[in-house]
């Protein structure tokens, strides 16, 4: 899939901590590939969403994401029997979903969901980059798959979450004509994300730092 260039994220402050699940480490990249993440309710197996708006209606206070019907998201493994880990993983899916929502339409201001799950200077910088990219007139469409989440407790009391993203069926679309810019699948469609998250005053785990690696071999699937 193709898309406008995102700014390179600053290196995350990652402290030594306790590894809780599975997948590996990071870097950052700016490219013509779309960098996004998703919507919907996390489960131990894949979950998907294609309706607009959509939400985890069984969870009190869960966000509602306004997504077009031509976008599908899938999450695998974003669950835990440990309440704290479960909360972090759930909010990581919401943070990813907030990006998808932001890029599915053209916005001139930060969306409420993005503001809820992204914070600080890096959150503001990312929001500005998405708004800037939207000025080219294109939006995203297709399927986005997220899997192999890993949580690591940081020495600061915050948490780092790594996960993979498969964008092989995610594309840019011209909303005025409906034309989808289909690209040939490649290793570059696999991304490894790292989100540094902190618990906000309202109780949500929010992203205060991020990075991603394009062409992550460790994320490649058949």
C-alpha atoms as a PDB file:
ATOM      1  CA  UNK A   1       0.000   0.000   0.000  1.00  0.00           C
ATOM      2  CA  UNK A   2       1.141   3.571  -0.613  1.00  0.00           C
ATOM      3  CA  UNK A   3       0.849   6.787   1.259  1.00  0.00           C
ATOM      4  CA  UNK A   4       2.392  10.154   2.039  1.00  0.00           C
ATOM      5  CA  UNK A   5       5.552  10.331   4.102  1.00  0.00           C
ATOM      6  CA  UNK A   6       5.331  10.476   7.876  1.00  0.00           C
ATOM      7  CA  UNK A   7       8.023  12.250   9.894  1.00  0.00           C
ATOM      8  CA  UNK A   8      10.641  10.060  11.504  1.00  0.00           C
ATOM      9  CA  UNK A   9       9.770   9.555  15.163  1.00  0.00           C
ATOM     10  CA  UNK A  10      12.374  10.390  17.759  1.00  0.00           C
ATOM     11  CA  UNK A  11      13.981   7.440  19.499  1.00  0.00           C
ATOM     12  CA  UNK A  12      11.896   6.081  22.349  1.00  0.00           C
ATOM     13  CA  UNK A  13      13.227   6.080  25.873  1.00  0.00           C
ATOM     14  CA  UNK A  14      13.156   2.347  26.549  1.00  0.00           C
ATOM     15  CA  UNK A  15      14.285   1.199  29.980  1.00  0.00           C
ATOM     16  CA  UNK A  16      14.999  -2.345  31.110  1.00  0.00           C
ATOM     17  CA  UNK A  17      11.841  -4.160  32.099  1.00  0.00           C
ATOM     18  CA  UNK A  18       9.867  -7.358  32.237  1.00  0.00           C
ATOM     19  CA  UNK A  19       9.053  -9.016  28.919  1.00  0.00           C
ATOM     20  CA  UNK A  20       5.436 -10.166  28.971  1.00  0.00           C
ATOM     21  CA  UNK A  21       4.524 -11.499  25.486  1.00  0.00           C
ATOM     22  CA  UNK A  22       6.357 -11.918  22.045  1.00  0.00           C
ATOM     23  CA  UNK A  23       7.950  -9.892  19.032  1.00  0.00           C
ATOM     24  CA  UNK A  24      11.080  -7.776  18.622  1.00  0.00           C
ATOM     25  CA  UNK A  25      12.585  -4.358  18.644  1.00  0.00           C
ATOM     26  CA  UNK A  26      12.548  -1.149  16.562  1.00  0.00           C
ATOM     27  CA  UNK A  27      13.928   1.669  14.542  1.00  0.00           C
ATOM     28  CA  UNK A  28      12.085   4.290  12.611  1.00  0.00           C
ATOM     29  CA  UNK A  29      11.420   5.090   9.013  1.00  0.00           C
ATOM     30  CA  UNK A  30       9.724   7.570   6.708  1.00  0.00           C
ATOM     31  CA  UNK A  31       8.504   6.182   3.403  1.00  0.00           C
ATOM     32  CA  UNK A  32       5.808   6.107   0.775  1.00  0.00           C
ATOM     33  CA  UNK A  33       4.090   3.194   2.518  1.00  0.00           C
ATOM     34  CA  UNK A  34       1.120   3.880   4.705  1.00  0.00           C
ATOM     35  CA  UNK A  35       1.749   3.847   8.401  1.00  0.00           C
ATOM     36  CA  UNK A  36      -1.441   3.182  10.282  1.00  0.00           C
ATOM     37  CA  UNK A  37      -3.178   1.075  12.881  1.00  0.00           C
ATOM     38  CA  UNK A  38      -6.728   0.010  13.641  1.00  0.00           C
ATOM     39  CA  UNK A  39     -10.190  -0.132  15.307  1.00  0.00           C
ATOM     40  CA  UNK A  40     -12.340  -2.555  17.232  1.00  0.00           C
ATOM     41  CA  UNK A  41     -12.340  -4.833  20.184  1.00  0.00           C
ATOM     42  CA  UNK A  42      -9.214  -6.842  21.038  1.00  0.00           C
ATOM     43  CA  UNK A  43      -9.518 -10.587  21.527  1.00  0.00           C
ATOM     44  CA  UNK A  44      -7.200 -13.547  21.859  1.00  0.00           C
ATOM     45  CA  UNK A  45      -7.961 -14.350  18.215  1.00  0.00           C
ATOM     46  CA  UNK A  46      -8.589 -12.081  15.248  1.00  0.00           C
ATOM     47  CA  UNK A  47     -11.304  -9.469  15.490  1.00  0.00           C
ATOM     48  CA  UNK A  48     -12.395  -7.217  12.676  1.00  0.00           C
ATOM     49  CA  UNK A  49     -14.472  -4.141  12.083  1.00  0.00           C
ATOM     50  CA  UNK A  50     -16.055  -2.750   8.968  1.00  0.00           C
ATOM     51  CA  UNK A  51     -19.028  -0.700  10.158  1.00  0.00           C
ATOM     52  CA  UNK A  52     -19.192   3.031  10.794  1.00  0.00           C
ATOM     53  CA  UNK A  53     -19.226   4.044  13.551  1.00  0.00           C
ATOM     54  CA  UNK A  54     -17.845   1.089  15.491  1.00  0.00           C
ATOM     55  CA  UNK A  55     -17.033   0.456  19.131  1.00  0.00           C
ATOM     56  CA  UNK A  56     -16.500  -2.102  21.843  1.00  0.00           C
ATOM     57  CA  UNK A  57     -20.039  -1.685  23.080  1.00  0.00           C
ATOM     58  CA  UNK A  58     -19.755  -4.217  25.913  1.00  0.00           C
ATOM     59  CA  UNK A  59     -16.936  -2.275  27.580  1.00  0.00           C
ATOM     60  CA  UNK A  60     -18.008   0.800  29.584  1.00  0.00           C
ATOM     61  CA  UNK A  61     -16.243   3.922  28.328  1.00  0.00           C
ATOM     62  CA  UNK A  62     -14.934   2.242  25.165  1.00  0.00           C
ATOM     63  CA  UNK A  63     -14.297   4.694  22.310  1.00  0.00           C
ATOM     64  CA  UNK A  64     -16.432   4.802  19.169  1.00  0.00           C
ATOM     65  CA  UNK A  65     -14.451   4.954  15.914  1.00  0.00           C
ATOM     66  CA  UNK A  66     -16.037   6.492  12.836  1.00  0.00           C
ATOM     67  CA  UNK A  67     -14.740   4.231  10.054  1.00  0.00           C
ATOM     68  CA  UNK A  68     -15.914   3.833   6.452  1.00  0.00           C
ATOM     69  CA  UNK A  69     -17.341   0.441   5.484  1.00  0.00           C
ATOM     70  CA  UNK A  70     -14.406  -0.233   3.141  1.00  0.00           C
ATOM     71  CA  UNK A  71     -11.919  -0.472   6.019  1.00  0.00           C
ATOM     72  CA  UNK A  72     -11.389  -3.722   7.932  1.00  0.00           C
ATOM     73  CA  UNK A  73      -9.074  -4.184  10.887  1.00  0.00           C
ATOM     74  CA  UNK A  74      -7.945  -7.376  12.585  1.00  0.00           C
ATOM     75  CA  UNK A  75      -6.249  -7.795  15.977  1.00  0.00           C
ATOM     76  CA  UNK A  76      -4.714 -11.032  17.205  1.00  0.00           C
ATOM     77  CA  UNK A  77      -3.350 -11.692  20.683  1.00  0.00           C
ATOM     78  CA  UNK A  78      -4.231  -8.335  22.237  1.00  0.00           C
ATOM     79  CA  UNK A  79      -5.601  -9.905  25.412  1.00  0.00           C
ATOM     80  CA  UNK A  80      -4.364 -11.154  28.770  1.00  0.00           C
ATOM     81  CA  UNK A  81      -5.687 -12.726  31.944  1.00  0.00           C
ATOM     82  CA  UNK A  82      -3.695 -10.112  33.870  1.00  0.00           C
ATOM     83  CA  UNK A  83      -5.906  -7.009  34.314  1.00  0.00           C
ATOM     84  CA  UNK A  84      -3.075  -4.486  33.913  1.00  0.00           C
ATOM     85  CA  UNK A  85      -1.640  -6.146  30.805  1.00  0.00           C
ATOM     86  CA  UNK A  86      -5.131  -6.448  29.351  1.00  0.00           C
ATOM     87  CA  UNK A  87      -5.789  -2.734  29.912  1.00  0.00           C
ATOM     88  CA  UNK A  88      -2.504  -1.758  28.241  1.00  0.00           C
ATOM     89  CA  UNK A  89      -3.080  -4.033  25.236  1.00  0.00           C
ATOM     90  CA  UNK A  90      -6.666  -2.864  24.848  1.00  0.00           C
ATOM     91  CA  UNK A  91      -5.627   0.793  24.856  1.00  0.00           C
ATOM     92  CA  UNK A  92      -2.822  -0.004  22.399  1.00  0.00           C
ATOM     93  CA  UNK A  93      -5.484  -1.222  19.953  1.00  0.00           C
ATOM     94  CA  UNK A  94      -7.450   1.967  20.571  1.00  0.00           C
ATOM     95  CA  UNK A  95      -4.338   4.059  19.884  1.00  0.00           C
ATOM     96  CA  UNK A  96      -3.821   2.158  16.635  1.00  0.00           C
ATOM     97  CA  UNK A  97      -7.500   2.526  15.775  1.00  0.00           C
ATOM     98  CA  UNK A  98      -7.296   6.255  16.353  1.00  0.00           C
ATOM     99  CA  UNK A  99      -4.683   6.502  13.595  1.00  0.00           C
ATOM    100  CA  UNK A 100      -6.851   4.534  11.164  1.00  0.00           C
ATOM    101  CA  UNK A 101      -9.841   6.741  11.923  1.00  0.00           C
ATOM    102  CA  UNK A 102      -7.721   9.868  11.471  1.00  0.00           C
ATOM    103  CA  UNK A 103      -6.434   8.687   8.072  1.00  0.00           C
ATOM    104  CA  UNK A 104      -9.731   7.262   6.777  1.00  0.00           C
ATOM    105  CA  UNK A 105     -11.112  10.753   6.183  1.00  0.00           C
ATOM    106  CA  UNK A 106      -9.680  14.226   5.721  1.00  0.00           C
ATOM    107  CA  UNK A 107      -9.565  16.186   8.970  1.00  0.00           C
ATOM    108  CA  UNK A 108      -8.341  19.703   9.637  1.00  0.00           C
ATOM    109  CA  UNK A 109      -8.096  19.226  13.407  1.00  0.00           C
ATOM    110  CA  UNK A 110      -7.080  16.418  15.729  1.00  0.00           C
ATOM    111  CA  UNK A 111      -9.826  13.842  16.300  1.00  0.00           C
ATOM    112  CA  UNK A 112     -11.220  13.240  19.789  1.00  0.00           C
ATOM    113  CA  UNK A 113     -10.049   9.625  19.813  1.00  0.00           C
ATOM    114  CA  UNK A 114      -6.520  10.536  18.745  1.00  0.00           C
ATOM    115  CA  UNK A 115      -6.362  13.176  21.455  1.00  0.00           C
ATOM    116  CA  UNK A 116      -7.608  10.629  24.005  1.00  0.00           C
ATOM    117  CA  UNK A 117      -5.005   7.935  23.269  1.00  0.00           C
ATOM    118  CA  UNK A 118      -1.995  10.001  22.117  1.00  0.00           C
ATOM    119  CA  UNK A 119      -0.355  12.613  24.310  1.00  0.00           C
ATOM    120  CA  UNK A 120       2.595  14.969  24.686  1.00  0.00           C
ATOM    121  CA  UNK A 121       4.854  16.489  22.055  1.00  0.00           C
ATOM    122  CA  UNK A 122       5.089  13.315  19.984  1.00  0.00           C
ATOM    123  CA  UNK A 123       1.314  12.930  19.930  1.00  0.00           C
ATOM    124  CA  UNK A 124       0.890  16.520  18.746  1.00  0.00           C
ATOM    125  CA  UNK A 125       3.638  16.080  16.138  1.00  0.00           C
ATOM    126  CA  UNK A 126       2.007  12.939  14.771  1.00  0.00           C
ATOM    127  CA  UNK A 127      -1.430  14.598  14.614  1.00  0.00           C
ATOM    128  CA  UNK A 128       0.034  17.531  12.664  1.00  0.00           C
ATOM    129  CA  UNK A 129       1.690  15.136  10.204  1.00  0.00           C
ATOM    130  CA  UNK A 130      -1.590  13.283   9.545  1.00  0.00           C
ATOM    131  CA  UNK A 131      -3.463  16.552   9.002  1.00  0.00           C
ATOM    132  CA  UNK A 132      -0.717  17.701   6.621  1.00  0.00           C
ATOM    133  CA  UNK A 133      -0.825  14.423   4.699  1.00  0.00           C
ATOM    134  CA  UNK A 134      -4.590  14.710   4.337  1.00  0.00           C
ATOM    135  CA  UNK A 135      -4.110  17.832   2.249  1.00  0.00           C
ATOM    136  CA  UNK A 136      -3.106  15.651  -0.736  1.00  0.00           C
ATOM    137  CA  UNK A 137      -6.763  14.576  -0.891  1.00  0.00           C
ATOM    138  CA  UNK A 138      -6.228  10.829  -0.509  1.00  0.00           C
ATOM    139  CA  UNK A 139      -7.514   8.625   2.300  1.00  0.00           C
ATOM    140  CA  UNK A 140      -6.862   5.022   3.285  1.00  0.00           C
ATOM    141  CA  UNK A 141      -8.890   1.909   2.476  1.00  0.00           C
ATOM    142  CA  UNK A 142      -8.529  -1.859   2.746  1.00  0.00           C
ATOM    143  CA  UNK A 143      -7.512  -4.281   5.496  1.00  0.00           C
ATOM    144  CA  UNK A 144      -5.023  -3.771   8.352  1.00  0.00           C
ATOM    145  CA  UNK A 145      -3.862  -6.712  10.434  1.00  0.00           C
ATOM    146  CA  UNK A 146      -2.158  -6.408  13.854  1.00  0.00           C
ATOM    147  CA  UNK A 147      -0.533  -9.303  15.693  1.00  0.00           C
ATOM    148  CA  UNK A 148       2.311 -10.607  17.905  1.00  0.00           C
ATOM    149  CA  UNK A 149       1.975  -7.989  20.662  1.00  0.00           C
ATOM    150  CA  UNK A 150       4.659  -7.767  23.330  1.00  0.00           C
ATOM    151  CA  UNK A 151       4.467  -5.629  26.463  1.00  0.00           C
ATOM    152  CA  UNK A 152       7.520  -4.557  28.434  1.00  0.00           C
ATOM    153  CA  UNK A 153       7.382  -2.806  31.800  1.00  0.00           C
ATOM    154  CA  UNK A 154       9.664   0.235  31.852  1.00  0.00           C
ATOM    155  CA  UNK A 155      11.652   1.386  34.860  1.00  0.00           C
ATOM    156  CA  UNK A 156       9.658   4.619  34.907  1.00  0.00           C
ATOM    157  CA  UNK A 157       6.414   2.758  35.619  1.00  0.00           C
ATOM    158  CA  UNK A 158       5.325   3.181  32.008  1.00  0.00           C
ATOM    159  CA  UNK A 159       4.910   0.359  29.478  1.00  0.00           C
ATOM    160  CA  UNK A 160       6.289  -0.309  25.998  1.00  0.00           C
ATOM    161  CA  UNK A 161       4.140  -2.259  23.529  1.00  0.00           C
ATOM    162  CA  UNK A 162       5.577  -3.845  20.372  1.00  0.00           C
ATOM    163  CA  UNK A 163       3.351  -5.321  17.681  1.00  0.00           C
ATOM    164  CA  UNK A 164       3.383  -6.226  13.995  1.00  0.00           C
ATOM    165  CA  UNK A 165       1.237  -4.760  11.244  1.00  0.00           C
ATOM    166  CA  UNK A 166       0.448  -6.297   7.848  1.00  0.00           C
ATOM    167  CA  UNK A 167      -0.504  -3.685   5.218  1.00  0.00           C
ATOM    168  CA  UNK A 168      -0.514  -5.930   2.131  1.00  0.00           C
ATOM    169  CA  UNK A 169      -4.209  -5.228   1.557  1.00  0.00           C
ATOM    170  CA  UNK A 170      -4.169  -1.609   2.706  1.00  0.00           C
ATOM    171  CA  UNK A 171      -4.148   1.115   0.053  1.00  0.00           C
ATOM    172  CA  UNK A 172      -4.647   4.788  -0.706  1.00  0.00           C
ATOM    173  CA  UNK A 173      -7.921   5.916  -2.256  1.00  0.00           C
ATOM    174  CA  UNK A 174      -9.060   9.065  -4.006  1.00  0.00           C
ATOM    175  CA  UNK A 175     -12.379   9.763  -2.220  1.00  0.00           C
ATOM    176  CA  UNK A 176     -13.637  12.044  -4.985  1.00  0.00           C
ATOM    177  CA  UNK A 177     -13.436   9.321  -7.660  1.00  0.00           C
ATOM    178  CA  UNK A 178     -13.322   6.134  -5.577  1.00  0.00           C
ATOM    179  CA  UNK A 179     -10.119   5.063  -7.332  1.00  0.00           C
ATOM    180  CA  UNK A 180      -7.976   2.728  -5.191  1.00  0.00           C
ATOM    181  CA  UNK A 181      -4.214   2.820  -5.770  1.00  0.00           C
ATOM    182  CA  UNK A 182      -3.405  -0.891  -5.523  1.00  0.00           C
ATOM    183  CA  UNK A 183       0.255  -1.798  -5.003  1.00  0.00           C
ATOM    184  CA  UNK A 184       2.190  -5.063  -5.254  1.00  0.00           C
ATOM    185  CA  UNK A 185       2.636  -6.827  -1.871  1.00  0.00           C
ATOM    186  CA  UNK A 186       6.206  -6.933  -0.575  1.00  0.00           C
ATOM    187  CA  UNK A 187       8.268  -7.194   2.593  1.00  0.00           C
ATOM    188  CA  UNK A 188       7.803  -3.433   3.007  1.00  0.00           C
ATOM    189  CA  UNK A 189       4.150  -4.083   3.850  1.00  0.00           C
ATOM    190  CA  UNK A 190       5.184  -5.563   7.208  1.00  0.00           C
ATOM    191  CA  UNK A 191       5.759  -3.051  10.002  1.00  0.00           C
ATOM    192  CA  UNK A 192       7.035  -3.442  13.527  1.00  0.00           C
ATOM    193  CA  UNK A 193       5.600  -0.811  15.853  1.00  0.00           C
ATOM    194  CA  UNK A 194       6.757   0.271  19.302  1.00  0.00           C
ATOM    195  CA  UNK A 195       4.477   2.419  21.448  1.00  0.00           C
ATOM    196  CA  UNK A 196       5.608   3.890  24.762  1.00  0.00           C
ATOM    197  CA  UNK A 197       2.522   4.312  26.925  1.00  0.00           C
ATOM    198  CA  UNK A 198       1.764   6.085  30.179  1.00  0.00           C
ATOM    199  CA  UNK A 199      -1.383   6.051  32.294  1.00  0.00           C
ATOM    200  CA  UNK A 200      -3.235   9.345  31.975  1.00  0.00           C
ATOM    201  CA  UNK A 201      -5.301  11.191  34.561  1.00  0.00           C
ATOM    202  CA  UNK A 202      -8.534   9.725  33.134  1.00  0.00           C
ATOM    203  CA  UNK A 203      -7.212   6.176  33.486  1.00  0.00           C
ATOM    204  CA  UNK A 204      -6.448   5.492  29.818  1.00  0.00           C
ATOM    205  CA  UNK A 205      -3.018   4.249  28.716  1.00  0.00           C
ATOM    206  CA  UNK A 206      -1.785   6.924  26.281  1.00  0.00           C
ATOM    207  CA  UNK A 207       1.030   6.898  23.720  1.00  0.00           C
ATOM    208  CA  UNK A 208       3.729   9.460  24.504  1.00  0.00           C
ATOM    209  CA  UNK A 209       6.396   8.080  22.149  1.00  0.00           C
ATOM    210  CA  UNK A 210       6.472   5.795  19.131  1.00  0.00           C
ATOM    211  CA  UNK A 211       8.614   4.333  16.375  1.00  0.00           C
ATOM    212  CA  UNK A 212       8.153   1.843  13.569  1.00  0.00           C
ATOM    213  CA  UNK A 213      10.272  -0.289  11.256  1.00  0.00           C
ATOM    214  CA  UNK A 214       9.318  -0.797   7.615  1.00  0.00           C
ATOM    215  CA  UNK A 215      10.123  -4.178   6.064  1.00  0.00           C
ATOM    216  CA  UNK A 216      10.321  -6.012   9.392  1.00  0.00           C
ATOM    217  CA  UNK A 217      11.350  -9.588   8.588  1.00  0.00           C
ATOM    218  CA  UNK A 218      10.238 -10.719  12.057  1.00  0.00           C
ATOM    219  CA  UNK A 219       6.665  -9.707  11.153  1.00  0.00           C
ATOM    220  CA  UNK A 220       6.512 -11.374   7.736  1.00  0.00           C
ATOM    221  CA  UNK A 221       3.751 -13.938   7.283  1.00  0.00           C
ATOM    222  CA  UNK A 222       2.658 -16.126   4.376  1.00  0.00           C
END
